[in-house]
N, C-alpha and C. Protein backbone atom coordinates (compact mmCIF):
# COMPACT_ATOMS: atom_id res chain seq x y z
N UNK A 1 66.47 -29.46 23.11
CA UNK A 1 65.37 -30.43 23.24
C UNK A 1 65.04 -31.08 21.89
N UNK A 2 64.82 -30.21 20.89
CA UNK A 2 64.48 -30.72 19.56
C UNK A 2 65.64 -31.52 18.96
N UNK A 3 66.86 -31.06 19.32
CA UNK A 3 68.03 -31.78 18.82
C UNK A 3 68.08 -33.20 19.39
N UNK A 4 67.75 -33.34 20.66
CA UNK A 4 67.74 -34.66 21.30
C UNK A 4 66.67 -35.56 20.69
N UNK A 5 65.50 -34.96 20.41
CA UNK A 5 64.42 -35.72 19.78
C UNK A 5 64.86 -36.20 18.39
N UNK A 6 65.52 -35.30 17.66
CA UNK A 6 66.01 -35.66 16.33
C UNK A 6 67.02 -36.79 16.38
N UNK A 7 67.94 -36.71 17.35
CA UNK A 7 68.95 -37.76 17.51
C UNK A 7 68.29 -39.08 17.87
N UNK A 8 67.29 -39.03 18.78
CA UNK A 8 66.59 -40.25 19.21
C UNK A 8 65.86 -40.89 18.03
N UNK A 9 65.20 -40.06 17.22
CA UNK A 9 64.49 -40.58 16.05
C UNK A 9 65.46 -41.21 15.05
N UNK A 10 66.60 -40.56 14.87
CA UNK A 10 67.61 -41.08 13.96
C UNK A 10 68.12 -42.44 14.44
N UNK A 11 68.35 -42.55 15.73
CA UNK A 11 68.82 -43.82 16.31
C UNK A 11 67.78 -44.91 16.10
N UNK A 12 66.51 -44.56 16.33
CA UNK A 12 65.42 -45.53 16.16
C UNK A 12 65.35 -46.01 14.72
N UNK A 13 65.47 -45.07 13.77
CA UNK A 13 65.42 -45.42 12.35
C UNK A 13 66.58 -46.33 11.98
N UNK A 14 67.78 -45.98 12.42
CA UNK A 14 68.97 -46.77 12.09
C UNK A 14 68.86 -48.17 12.67
N UNK A 15 68.45 -48.26 13.92
CA UNK A 15 68.31 -49.57 14.58
C UNK A 15 67.23 -50.40 13.89
N UNK A 16 66.12 -49.75 13.53
CA UNK A 16 65.03 -50.46 12.86
C UNK A 16 65.47 -51.02 11.51
N UNK A 17 66.18 -50.21 10.75
CA UNK A 17 66.67 -50.66 9.43
C UNK A 17 67.65 -51.82 9.60
N UNK A 18 68.54 -51.70 10.58
CA UNK A 18 69.51 -52.77 10.83
C UNK A 18 68.80 -54.07 11.22
N UNK A 19 67.83 -53.98 12.12
CA UNK A 19 67.09 -55.17 12.56
C UNK A 19 66.33 -55.81 11.40
N UNK A 20 65.70 -54.97 10.57
CA UNK A 20 64.94 -55.49 9.43
C UNK A 20 65.84 -56.20 8.44
N UNK A 21 67.00 -55.61 8.15
CA UNK A 21 67.95 -56.21 7.20
C UNK A 21 68.51 -57.51 7.78
N UNK A 22 68.83 -57.50 9.06
CA UNK A 22 69.38 -58.70 9.69
C UNK A 22 68.33 -59.81 9.74
N UNK A 23 67.07 -59.44 10.03
CA UNK A 23 65.99 -60.42 10.06
C UNK A 23 65.76 -61.02 8.68
N UNK A 24 65.86 -60.19 7.65
CA UNK A 24 65.74 -60.69 6.27
C UNK A 24 66.85 -61.68 5.96
N UNK A 25 68.05 -61.35 6.36
CA UNK A 25 69.18 -62.24 6.11
C UNK A 25 68.98 -63.58 6.82
N UNK A 26 68.49 -63.52 8.06
CA UNK A 26 68.25 -64.74 8.82
C UNK A 26 67.12 -65.57 8.21
N UNK A 27 66.10 -64.89 7.67
CA UNK A 27 65.00 -65.63 7.05
C UNK A 27 65.48 -66.36 5.80
N UNK A 28 66.34 -65.73 5.02
CA UNK A 28 66.91 -66.38 3.84
C UNK A 28 67.77 -67.57 4.26
N UNK A 29 68.53 -67.39 5.32
CA UNK A 29 69.41 -68.46 5.81
C UNK A 29 68.61 -69.64 6.35
N UNK A 30 67.37 -69.39 6.79
CA UNK A 30 66.54 -70.46 7.36
C UNK A 30 66.17 -71.52 6.33
N UNK A 31 66.36 -71.22 5.04
CA UNK A 31 66.08 -72.21 4.00
C UNK A 31 67.07 -73.36 4.03
N UNK A 32 68.25 -73.12 4.61
CA UNK A 32 69.29 -74.14 4.58
C UNK A 32 69.86 -74.54 5.94
N UNK A 33 69.52 -73.78 7.00
CA UNK A 33 70.05 -74.15 8.31
C UNK A 33 69.16 -73.63 9.43
N UNK A 34 69.37 -74.17 10.63
CA UNK A 34 68.59 -73.74 11.78
C UNK A 34 69.01 -72.34 12.22
N UNK A 35 68.00 -71.59 12.67
CA UNK A 35 68.23 -70.21 13.09
C UNK A 35 67.83 -70.05 14.55
N UNK A 36 68.75 -69.57 15.37
CA UNK A 36 68.40 -69.24 16.74
C UNK A 36 67.52 -68.00 16.77
N UNK A 37 66.58 -67.95 17.70
CA UNK A 37 65.67 -66.81 17.84
C UNK A 37 64.84 -66.59 16.57
N UNK A 38 64.45 -67.69 15.92
CA UNK A 38 63.66 -67.58 14.69
C UNK A 38 62.36 -66.82 14.92
N UNK A 39 61.73 -67.05 16.06
CA UNK A 39 60.48 -66.36 16.37
C UNK A 39 60.67 -64.86 16.50
N UNK A 40 61.77 -64.45 17.10
CA UNK A 40 62.07 -63.02 17.26
C UNK A 40 62.24 -62.35 15.90
N UNK A 41 63.00 -62.99 15.02
CA UNK A 41 63.22 -62.42 13.69
C UNK A 41 61.94 -62.43 12.85
N UNK A 42 61.12 -63.46 13.04
CA UNK A 42 59.83 -63.51 12.33
C UNK A 42 58.93 -62.36 12.76
N UNK A 43 58.94 -62.04 14.05
CA UNK A 43 58.14 -60.92 14.55
C UNK A 43 58.62 -59.59 13.98
N UNK A 44 59.92 -59.44 13.83
CA UNK A 44 60.47 -58.22 13.24
C UNK A 44 59.97 -58.06 11.80
N UNK A 45 60.03 -59.15 11.03
CA UNK A 45 59.58 -59.09 9.64
C UNK A 45 58.08 -58.83 9.55
N UNK A 46 57.30 -59.39 10.47
CA UNK A 46 55.87 -59.10 10.49
C UNK A 46 55.61 -57.62 10.76
N UNK A 47 56.38 -57.05 11.68
CA UNK A 47 56.20 -55.64 12.05
C UNK A 47 56.51 -54.71 10.88
N UNK A 48 57.56 -55.05 10.13
CA UNK A 48 57.97 -54.20 9.00
C UNK A 48 57.51 -54.77 7.66
N UNK A 49 56.51 -55.65 7.68
CA UNK A 49 56.13 -56.40 6.49
C UNK A 49 55.77 -55.50 5.30
N UNK A 50 54.92 -54.52 5.50
CA UNK A 50 54.44 -53.69 4.39
C UNK A 50 55.55 -52.90 3.71
N UNK A 51 56.38 -52.17 4.44
CA UNK A 51 57.47 -51.44 3.74
C UNK A 51 58.49 -52.39 3.11
N UNK A 52 58.77 -53.52 3.75
CA UNK A 52 59.72 -54.47 3.17
C UNK A 52 59.14 -55.06 1.89
N UNK A 53 57.86 -55.40 1.91
CA UNK A 53 57.22 -55.96 0.73
C UNK A 53 57.22 -54.95 -0.42
N UNK A 54 56.99 -53.69 -0.09
CA UNK A 54 57.00 -52.65 -1.13
C UNK A 54 58.38 -52.56 -1.78
N UNK A 55 59.43 -52.68 -1.00
CA UNK A 55 60.79 -52.64 -1.55
C UNK A 55 61.06 -53.87 -2.42
N UNK A 56 60.59 -55.04 -1.98
CA UNK A 56 60.77 -56.26 -2.78
C UNK A 56 59.99 -56.16 -4.09
N UNK A 57 58.81 -55.56 -4.01
CA UNK A 57 57.99 -55.41 -5.20
C UNK A 57 58.68 -54.53 -6.24
N UNK A 58 59.41 -53.53 -5.76
CA UNK A 58 60.05 -52.59 -6.66
C UNK A 58 61.40 -53.08 -7.16
N UNK A 59 62.17 -53.73 -6.27
CA UNK A 59 63.55 -54.05 -6.61
C UNK A 59 63.85 -55.54 -6.72
N UNK A 60 62.93 -56.39 -6.31
CA UNK A 60 63.22 -57.82 -6.34
C UNK A 60 61.96 -58.60 -6.67
N UNK A 61 61.68 -59.66 -5.92
CA UNK A 61 60.53 -60.52 -6.17
C UNK A 61 59.85 -60.80 -4.83
N UNK A 62 58.60 -60.42 -4.69
CA UNK A 62 57.89 -60.60 -3.42
C UNK A 62 57.75 -62.07 -3.05
N UNK A 63 57.76 -62.97 -4.04
CA UNK A 63 57.69 -64.40 -3.75
C UNK A 63 58.86 -64.85 -2.88
N UNK A 64 60.02 -64.24 -3.09
CA UNK A 64 61.18 -64.57 -2.26
C UNK A 64 60.92 -64.21 -0.81
N UNK A 65 60.38 -63.02 -0.60
CA UNK A 65 60.08 -62.57 0.76
C UNK A 65 59.11 -63.51 1.45
N UNK A 66 58.01 -63.87 0.76
CA UNK A 66 57.01 -64.76 1.35
C UNK A 66 57.63 -66.12 1.68
N UNK A 67 58.43 -66.64 0.77
CA UNK A 67 59.08 -67.94 0.97
C UNK A 67 60.01 -67.91 2.18
N UNK A 68 60.81 -66.86 2.29
CA UNK A 68 61.73 -66.75 3.42
C UNK A 68 60.98 -66.64 4.74
N UNK A 69 59.90 -65.83 4.75
CA UNK A 69 59.15 -65.64 5.99
C UNK A 69 58.45 -66.91 6.43
N UNK A 70 57.89 -67.66 5.48
CA UNK A 70 57.23 -68.92 5.82
C UNK A 70 58.25 -69.91 6.38
N UNK A 71 59.41 -69.99 5.76
CA UNK A 71 60.47 -70.88 6.24
C UNK A 71 60.88 -70.53 7.66
N UNK A 72 61.06 -69.24 7.93
CA UNK A 72 61.46 -68.79 9.26
C UNK A 72 60.37 -69.08 10.29
N UNK A 73 59.12 -68.85 9.92
CA UNK A 73 58.01 -69.10 10.85
C UNK A 73 57.83 -70.59 11.13
N UNK A 74 58.00 -71.42 10.11
CA UNK A 74 57.94 -72.86 10.34
C UNK A 74 58.98 -73.30 11.35
N UNK A 75 60.17 -72.73 11.23
CA UNK A 75 61.25 -73.06 12.16
C UNK A 75 60.89 -72.60 13.57
N UNK A 76 60.29 -71.42 13.67
CA UNK A 76 59.92 -70.87 14.97
C UNK A 76 58.76 -71.63 15.61
N UNK A 77 57.84 -72.15 14.79
CA UNK A 77 56.62 -72.77 15.29
C UNK A 77 56.71 -74.28 15.46
N UNK A 78 57.75 -74.89 14.93
CA UNK A 78 57.81 -76.36 14.83
C UNK A 78 57.62 -77.05 16.18
N UNK A 79 58.35 -76.59 17.17
CA UNK A 79 58.27 -77.22 18.50
C UNK A 79 56.90 -77.03 19.13
N UNK A 80 56.35 -75.82 19.02
CA UNK A 80 55.04 -75.53 19.60
C UNK A 80 53.93 -76.29 18.88
N UNK A 81 54.05 -76.41 17.55
CA UNK A 81 53.01 -77.13 16.80
C UNK A 81 52.96 -78.60 17.19
N UNK A 82 54.09 -79.17 17.49
CA UNK A 82 54.16 -80.58 17.88
C UNK A 82 53.39 -80.83 19.18
N UNK A 83 53.23 -79.79 19.99
CA UNK A 83 52.53 -79.93 21.27
C UNK A 83 51.02 -79.69 21.16
N UNK A 84 50.55 -79.25 20.01
CA UNK A 84 49.12 -78.96 19.84
C UNK A 84 48.31 -80.26 19.82
N UNK A 85 47.06 -80.15 20.20
CA UNK A 85 46.19 -81.33 20.32
C UNK A 85 45.02 -81.32 19.34
N UNK A 86 44.45 -80.15 19.10
CA UNK A 86 43.27 -80.03 18.24
C UNK A 86 43.66 -79.22 17.00
N UNK A 87 43.85 -79.93 15.89
CA UNK A 87 44.45 -79.30 14.71
C UNK A 87 43.50 -79.21 13.52
N UNK A 88 43.62 -78.09 12.83
CA UNK A 88 42.92 -77.90 11.56
C UNK A 88 43.90 -78.23 10.43
N UNK A 89 43.35 -78.67 9.31
CA UNK A 89 44.12 -78.78 8.08
C UNK A 89 43.43 -77.89 7.07
N UNK A 90 44.03 -76.75 6.78
CA UNK A 90 43.44 -75.77 5.87
C UNK A 90 44.09 -75.88 4.51
N UNK A 91 43.28 -76.19 3.50
CA UNK A 91 43.79 -76.41 2.14
C UNK A 91 43.04 -75.52 1.15
N UNK A 92 43.70 -75.14 0.05
CA UNK A 92 43.07 -74.24 -0.93
C UNK A 92 42.18 -74.98 -1.93
N UNK A 93 41.10 -74.36 -2.34
CA UNK A 93 40.17 -74.98 -3.28
C UNK A 93 40.79 -75.15 -4.67
N UNK A 94 41.89 -74.44 -4.95
CA UNK A 94 42.51 -74.54 -6.27
C UNK A 94 43.11 -75.91 -6.54
N UNK A 95 43.17 -76.76 -5.53
CA UNK A 95 43.68 -78.12 -5.72
C UNK A 95 42.59 -79.10 -6.16
N UNK A 96 41.33 -78.69 -6.08
CA UNK A 96 40.24 -79.63 -6.38
C UNK A 96 39.99 -79.72 -7.88
N UNK A 97 39.22 -80.73 -8.27
CA UNK A 97 38.87 -80.93 -9.67
C UNK A 97 37.97 -79.80 -10.17
N UNK A 98 38.11 -79.45 -11.44
CA UNK A 98 37.30 -78.38 -12.01
C UNK A 98 35.81 -78.72 -11.99
N UNK A 99 35.50 -80.02 -12.08
CA UNK A 99 34.09 -80.44 -12.05
C UNK A 99 33.70 -81.01 -10.68
N UNK A 100 34.31 -80.46 -9.66
CA UNK A 100 34.03 -80.91 -8.28
C UNK A 100 32.55 -80.74 -7.95
N UNK A 101 31.89 -81.82 -7.49
CA UNK A 101 30.46 -81.75 -7.19
C UNK A 101 30.15 -81.32 -5.76
N UNK A 102 31.19 -81.10 -4.94
CA UNK A 102 30.97 -80.77 -3.53
C UNK A 102 30.37 -79.38 -3.36
N UNK A 103 29.56 -79.25 -2.34
CA UNK A 103 28.91 -77.98 -2.04
C UNK A 103 29.84 -77.04 -1.28
N UNK A 104 29.62 -75.75 -1.45
CA UNK A 104 30.41 -74.75 -0.76
C UNK A 104 29.60 -74.15 0.39
N UNK A 105 30.24 -74.00 1.54
CA UNK A 105 29.60 -73.40 2.71
C UNK A 105 30.49 -72.27 3.23
N UNK A 106 30.05 -71.60 4.27
CA UNK A 106 30.86 -70.53 4.84
C UNK A 106 32.12 -71.07 5.50
N UNK A 107 32.18 -72.40 5.70
CA UNK A 107 33.34 -73.04 6.30
C UNK A 107 34.22 -73.73 5.25
N UNK A 108 33.90 -73.54 3.97
CA UNK A 108 34.70 -74.12 2.90
C UNK A 108 33.94 -75.14 2.08
N UNK A 109 34.67 -75.83 1.23
CA UNK A 109 34.10 -76.86 0.37
C UNK A 109 33.95 -78.15 1.16
N UNK A 110 32.78 -78.75 1.14
CA UNK A 110 32.54 -79.98 1.89
C UNK A 110 32.82 -81.20 1.00
N UNK A 111 34.04 -81.71 1.10
CA UNK A 111 34.48 -82.84 0.28
C UNK A 111 33.57 -84.06 0.51
N UNK A 112 33.14 -84.68 -0.60
CA UNK A 112 32.27 -85.87 -0.51
C UNK A 112 33.02 -87.13 -0.96
N UNK A 113 34.35 -87.03 -1.05
CA UNK A 113 35.20 -88.17 -1.40
C UNK A 113 34.76 -88.83 -2.71
N UNK A 114 34.56 -88.01 -3.74
CA UNK A 114 34.11 -88.53 -5.03
C UNK A 114 35.24 -89.18 -5.83
N UNK A 115 36.47 -88.93 -5.43
CA UNK A 115 37.61 -89.53 -6.11
C UNK A 115 38.11 -88.77 -7.32
N UNK A 116 37.55 -87.60 -7.60
CA UNK A 116 37.96 -86.85 -8.79
C UNK A 116 39.26 -86.05 -8.58
N UNK A 117 39.66 -85.87 -7.34
CA UNK A 117 40.89 -85.12 -7.09
C UNK A 117 41.56 -85.64 -5.83
N UNK A 118 42.65 -85.02 -5.48
CA UNK A 118 43.48 -85.48 -4.38
C UNK A 118 42.82 -85.32 -3.01
N UNK A 119 41.74 -84.54 -2.95
CA UNK A 119 41.12 -84.29 -1.65
C UNK A 119 40.47 -85.53 -1.05
N UNK A 120 40.10 -86.49 -1.87
CA UNK A 120 39.58 -87.75 -1.32
C UNK A 120 40.64 -88.42 -0.46
N UNK A 121 41.87 -88.40 -0.96
CA UNK A 121 42.99 -88.99 -0.23
C UNK A 121 43.38 -88.15 0.98
N UNK A 122 43.40 -86.84 0.79
CA UNK A 122 43.75 -85.94 1.90
C UNK A 122 42.74 -86.09 3.04
N UNK A 123 41.47 -86.20 2.69
CA UNK A 123 40.42 -86.32 3.71
C UNK A 123 40.64 -87.57 4.55
N UNK A 124 40.98 -88.68 3.90
CA UNK A 124 41.22 -89.94 4.61
C UNK A 124 42.41 -89.81 5.55
N UNK A 125 43.50 -89.22 5.06
CA UNK A 125 44.70 -89.08 5.89
C UNK A 125 44.51 -88.04 6.98
N UNK A 126 43.72 -87.02 6.71
CA UNK A 126 43.44 -86.02 7.75
C UNK A 126 42.71 -86.67 8.92
N UNK A 127 41.75 -87.52 8.62
CA UNK A 127 41.03 -88.24 9.67
C UNK A 127 41.96 -89.20 10.41
N UNK A 128 42.86 -89.84 9.67
CA UNK A 128 43.80 -90.80 10.28
C UNK A 128 44.73 -90.12 11.27
N UNK A 129 45.13 -88.88 10.96
CA UNK A 129 46.06 -88.17 11.83
C UNK A 129 45.35 -87.14 12.73
N UNK A 130 44.04 -87.21 12.78
CA UNK A 130 43.27 -86.35 13.70
C UNK A 130 43.27 -84.87 13.35
N UNK A 131 43.13 -84.57 12.07
CA UNK A 131 42.99 -83.19 11.62
C UNK A 131 41.56 -82.96 11.14
N UNK A 132 41.08 -81.75 11.35
CA UNK A 132 39.78 -81.35 10.82
C UNK A 132 40.02 -80.62 9.50
N UNK A 133 39.68 -81.27 8.38
CA UNK A 133 39.97 -80.72 7.06
C UNK A 133 38.97 -79.65 6.64
N UNK A 134 39.50 -78.54 6.14
CA UNK A 134 38.66 -77.48 5.58
C UNK A 134 39.28 -77.03 4.27
N UNK A 135 38.51 -77.09 3.20
CA UNK A 135 38.96 -76.67 1.88
C UNK A 135 38.41 -75.27 1.64
N UNK A 136 39.28 -74.28 1.62
CA UNK A 136 38.82 -72.89 1.60
C UNK A 136 39.12 -72.20 0.28
N UNK A 137 38.28 -71.24 -0.06
CA UNK A 137 38.43 -70.48 -1.30
C UNK A 137 39.13 -69.15 -1.06
N UNK A 138 39.67 -68.96 0.13
CA UNK A 138 40.35 -67.71 0.46
C UNK A 138 40.53 -67.60 1.96
N UNK A 139 41.42 -66.72 2.38
CA UNK A 139 41.72 -66.59 3.80
C UNK A 139 40.53 -66.06 4.61
N UNK A 140 39.55 -65.43 3.94
CA UNK A 140 38.39 -64.91 4.65
C UNK A 140 37.56 -66.02 5.30
N UNK A 141 37.62 -67.23 4.72
CA UNK A 141 36.89 -68.36 5.29
C UNK A 141 37.45 -68.74 6.66
N UNK A 142 38.70 -68.47 6.88
CA UNK A 142 39.36 -68.91 8.10
C UNK A 142 38.71 -68.29 9.33
N UNK A 143 38.23 -67.06 9.21
CA UNK A 143 37.58 -66.40 10.34
C UNK A 143 36.38 -67.20 10.83
N UNK A 144 35.57 -67.71 9.90
CA UNK A 144 34.40 -68.50 10.29
C UNK A 144 34.81 -69.84 10.89
N UNK A 145 35.86 -70.43 10.33
CA UNK A 145 36.30 -71.75 10.78
C UNK A 145 36.80 -71.70 12.22
N UNK A 146 37.62 -70.70 12.54
CA UNK A 146 38.20 -70.65 13.89
C UNK A 146 37.16 -70.26 14.95
N UNK A 147 36.04 -69.66 14.50
CA UNK A 147 34.94 -69.41 15.43
C UNK A 147 34.18 -70.70 15.72
N UNK A 148 34.13 -71.56 14.71
CA UNK A 148 33.42 -72.83 14.85
C UNK A 148 34.25 -73.89 15.56
N UNK A 149 35.53 -73.94 15.26
CA UNK A 149 36.41 -74.99 15.77
C UNK A 149 37.27 -74.47 16.93
N UNK A 150 37.38 -75.27 17.96
CA UNK A 150 38.25 -74.91 19.10
C UNK A 150 39.61 -75.55 18.87
N UNK A 151 40.35 -75.01 17.92
CA UNK A 151 41.64 -75.57 17.55
C UNK A 151 42.79 -74.79 18.17
N UNK A 152 43.89 -75.49 18.42
CA UNK A 152 45.09 -74.80 18.90
C UNK A 152 46.24 -74.89 17.89
N UNK A 153 46.00 -75.59 16.77
CA UNK A 153 47.01 -75.70 15.73
C UNK A 153 46.37 -75.74 14.36
N UNK A 154 47.09 -75.24 13.35
CA UNK A 154 46.58 -75.27 11.97
C UNK A 154 47.72 -75.60 11.02
N UNK A 155 47.58 -76.72 10.33
CA UNK A 155 48.53 -77.09 9.29
C UNK A 155 48.00 -76.51 7.98
N UNK A 156 48.80 -75.72 7.31
CA UNK A 156 48.34 -74.95 6.16
C UNK A 156 48.96 -75.46 4.87
N UNK A 157 48.12 -75.60 3.85
CA UNK A 157 48.58 -75.94 2.51
C UNK A 157 48.20 -74.77 1.60
N UNK A 158 49.17 -74.17 0.94
CA UNK A 158 48.88 -73.00 0.09
C UNK A 158 50.15 -72.53 -0.58
N UNK A 159 50.02 -71.51 -1.42
CA UNK A 159 51.20 -70.84 -1.96
C UNK A 159 51.83 -70.03 -0.82
N UNK A 160 53.07 -69.64 -0.98
CA UNK A 160 53.77 -68.95 0.11
C UNK A 160 53.08 -67.65 0.52
N UNK A 161 52.51 -66.93 -0.46
CA UNK A 161 51.82 -65.68 -0.13
C UNK A 161 50.65 -65.94 0.82
N UNK A 162 49.81 -66.94 0.48
CA UNK A 162 48.66 -67.24 1.33
C UNK A 162 49.09 -67.84 2.66
N UNK A 163 50.15 -68.65 2.66
CA UNK A 163 50.65 -69.20 3.91
C UNK A 163 51.04 -68.09 4.87
N UNK A 164 51.82 -67.14 4.37
CA UNK A 164 52.28 -66.04 5.21
C UNK A 164 51.10 -65.18 5.68
N UNK A 165 50.13 -64.99 4.80
CA UNK A 165 48.96 -64.18 5.13
C UNK A 165 48.15 -64.82 6.26
N UNK A 166 47.91 -66.12 6.16
CA UNK A 166 47.14 -66.81 7.20
C UNK A 166 47.95 -66.92 8.49
N UNK A 167 49.24 -67.15 8.37
CA UNK A 167 50.09 -67.20 9.57
C UNK A 167 50.02 -65.88 10.32
N UNK A 168 50.05 -64.79 9.58
CA UNK A 168 49.98 -63.47 10.22
C UNK A 168 48.61 -63.24 10.85
N UNK A 169 47.54 -63.69 10.18
CA UNK A 169 46.19 -63.45 10.69
C UNK A 169 45.88 -64.29 11.93
N UNK A 170 46.51 -65.48 12.04
CA UNK A 170 46.25 -66.36 13.18
C UNK A 170 47.25 -66.16 14.32
N UNK A 171 48.16 -65.24 14.12
CA UNK A 171 49.24 -65.01 15.08
C UNK A 171 48.72 -64.69 16.48
N UNK A 172 47.66 -63.89 16.56
CA UNK A 172 47.13 -63.48 17.86
C UNK A 172 45.84 -64.22 18.24
N UNK A 173 45.61 -65.36 17.61
CA UNK A 173 44.40 -66.15 17.88
C UNK A 173 44.68 -67.40 18.71
N UNK A 174 45.89 -67.49 19.26
CA UNK A 174 46.31 -68.67 20.04
C UNK A 174 46.24 -69.96 19.23
N UNK A 175 46.49 -69.83 17.94
CA UNK A 175 46.55 -71.00 17.05
C UNK A 175 47.94 -71.04 16.43
N UNK A 176 48.66 -72.12 16.71
CA UNK A 176 50.00 -72.28 16.17
C UNK A 176 49.90 -72.78 14.73
N UNK A 177 50.64 -72.17 13.84
CA UNK A 177 50.56 -72.52 12.42
C UNK A 177 51.85 -73.17 11.92
N UNK A 178 51.69 -73.99 10.90
CA UNK A 178 52.83 -74.58 10.20
C UNK A 178 52.42 -74.73 8.75
N UNK A 179 53.26 -74.28 7.83
CA UNK A 179 52.86 -74.24 6.43
C UNK A 179 53.63 -75.17 5.51
N UNK A 180 52.91 -75.77 4.57
CA UNK A 180 53.51 -76.59 3.52
C UNK A 180 53.19 -75.93 2.18
N UNK A 181 54.19 -75.35 1.52
CA UNK A 181 53.93 -74.66 0.25
C UNK A 181 53.54 -75.63 -0.86
N UNK A 182 52.67 -75.17 -1.76
CA UNK A 182 52.31 -75.94 -2.94
C UNK A 182 53.48 -75.95 -3.93
N UNK A 183 53.45 -76.88 -4.85
CA UNK A 183 54.51 -76.98 -5.85
C UNK A 183 54.40 -75.90 -6.92
N UNK A 184 53.18 -75.36 -7.10
CA UNK A 184 52.98 -74.31 -8.10
C UNK A 184 51.86 -73.38 -7.65
N UNK A 185 51.88 -72.16 -8.14
CA UNK A 185 50.84 -71.19 -7.83
C UNK A 185 49.76 -71.23 -8.90
N UNK A 186 48.66 -70.54 -8.64
CA UNK A 186 47.60 -70.44 -9.63
C UNK A 186 46.22 -70.56 -9.02
N UNK A 187 45.20 -70.37 -9.85
CA UNK A 187 43.82 -70.41 -9.39
C UNK A 187 43.20 -71.80 -9.55
N UNK A 188 43.87 -72.68 -10.28
CA UNK A 188 43.37 -74.06 -10.43
C UNK A 188 44.55 -74.96 -10.81
N UNK A 189 44.32 -76.28 -10.67
CA UNK A 189 45.33 -77.29 -11.04
C UNK A 189 46.64 -77.12 -10.27
N UNK A 190 46.57 -76.63 -9.05
CA UNK A 190 47.78 -76.55 -8.23
C UNK A 190 48.06 -77.93 -7.64
N UNK A 191 49.33 -78.16 -7.33
CA UNK A 191 49.73 -79.48 -6.87
C UNK A 191 50.51 -79.40 -5.56
N UNK A 192 50.51 -80.54 -4.85
CA UNK A 192 51.14 -80.64 -3.54
C UNK A 192 52.11 -81.81 -3.55
N UNK A 193 53.23 -81.65 -2.85
CA UNK A 193 54.13 -82.78 -2.62
C UNK A 193 53.50 -83.61 -1.52
N UNK A 194 52.79 -84.67 -1.92
CA UNK A 194 52.00 -85.43 -0.93
C UNK A 194 52.89 -86.15 0.07
N UNK A 195 54.04 -86.60 -0.37
CA UNK A 195 54.96 -87.26 0.55
C UNK A 195 55.38 -86.30 1.67
N UNK A 196 55.56 -85.04 1.32
CA UNK A 196 55.95 -84.04 2.32
C UNK A 196 54.82 -83.82 3.32
N UNK A 197 53.58 -83.83 2.85
CA UNK A 197 52.43 -83.69 3.74
C UNK A 197 52.39 -84.84 4.73
N UNK A 198 52.52 -86.08 4.24
CA UNK A 198 52.48 -87.24 5.13
C UNK A 198 53.65 -87.25 6.09
N UNK A 199 54.83 -86.88 5.61
CA UNK A 199 56.00 -86.83 6.48
C UNK A 199 55.77 -85.87 7.64
N UNK A 200 55.19 -84.73 7.35
CA UNK A 200 54.92 -83.75 8.42
C UNK A 200 53.83 -84.25 9.37
N UNK A 201 52.79 -84.85 8.82
CA UNK A 201 51.73 -85.38 9.68
C UNK A 201 52.27 -86.47 10.61
N UNK A 202 53.10 -87.32 10.08
CA UNK A 202 53.70 -88.38 10.89
C UNK A 202 54.63 -87.80 11.96
N UNK A 203 55.41 -86.80 11.57
CA UNK A 203 56.33 -86.19 12.51
C UNK A 203 55.57 -85.53 13.68
N UNK A 204 54.54 -84.79 13.36
CA UNK A 204 53.81 -84.08 14.41
C UNK A 204 52.88 -84.99 15.22
N UNK A 205 52.68 -86.21 14.76
CA UNK A 205 51.81 -87.13 15.51
C UNK A 205 52.58 -87.93 16.56
N UNK A 206 53.92 -87.88 16.50
CA UNK A 206 54.72 -88.66 17.45
C UNK A 206 55.10 -87.84 18.67
């Protein structure tokens, strides 16, 4: 009896390791080509996220893992996101001007279109493409926003770590996510490829 249990556990471990390694390989490949069953592989990586991240932290670079997972999830979510009707645009406060005069609320920074940073432009385009813009100082703000807004989609602007974190947190909230990584990380003066943002907004609006 115990021998059978041991064999079963060994099989489970071997299969789990194989699936995790294969899912990692597929996530890396998603940077350059389409992947069948992208959603399935993304779910595997989410399930084993903590131990895989610990291994990357010790032997590689966790930024690679986050980048691969975001790429794979974007591929998995692309078709579903295109069908969403009520969308949020969640952006990080690190993109705003250091002397930003806007007030902060539990739902994020309330942009007043002062023209000191890129958010004046983002706000205009968000309204043009029917997105509800929220400038957040961390993923904790998202909980309040999704209670307030009846959204079925969220376009995310952030570093890959935050993108993956929010994608994982909204996974079971019936909100389809799609992420656009920033050009650089940091707590301030981060930048966005604006053309890429508009290209995605235009694509998902058709």
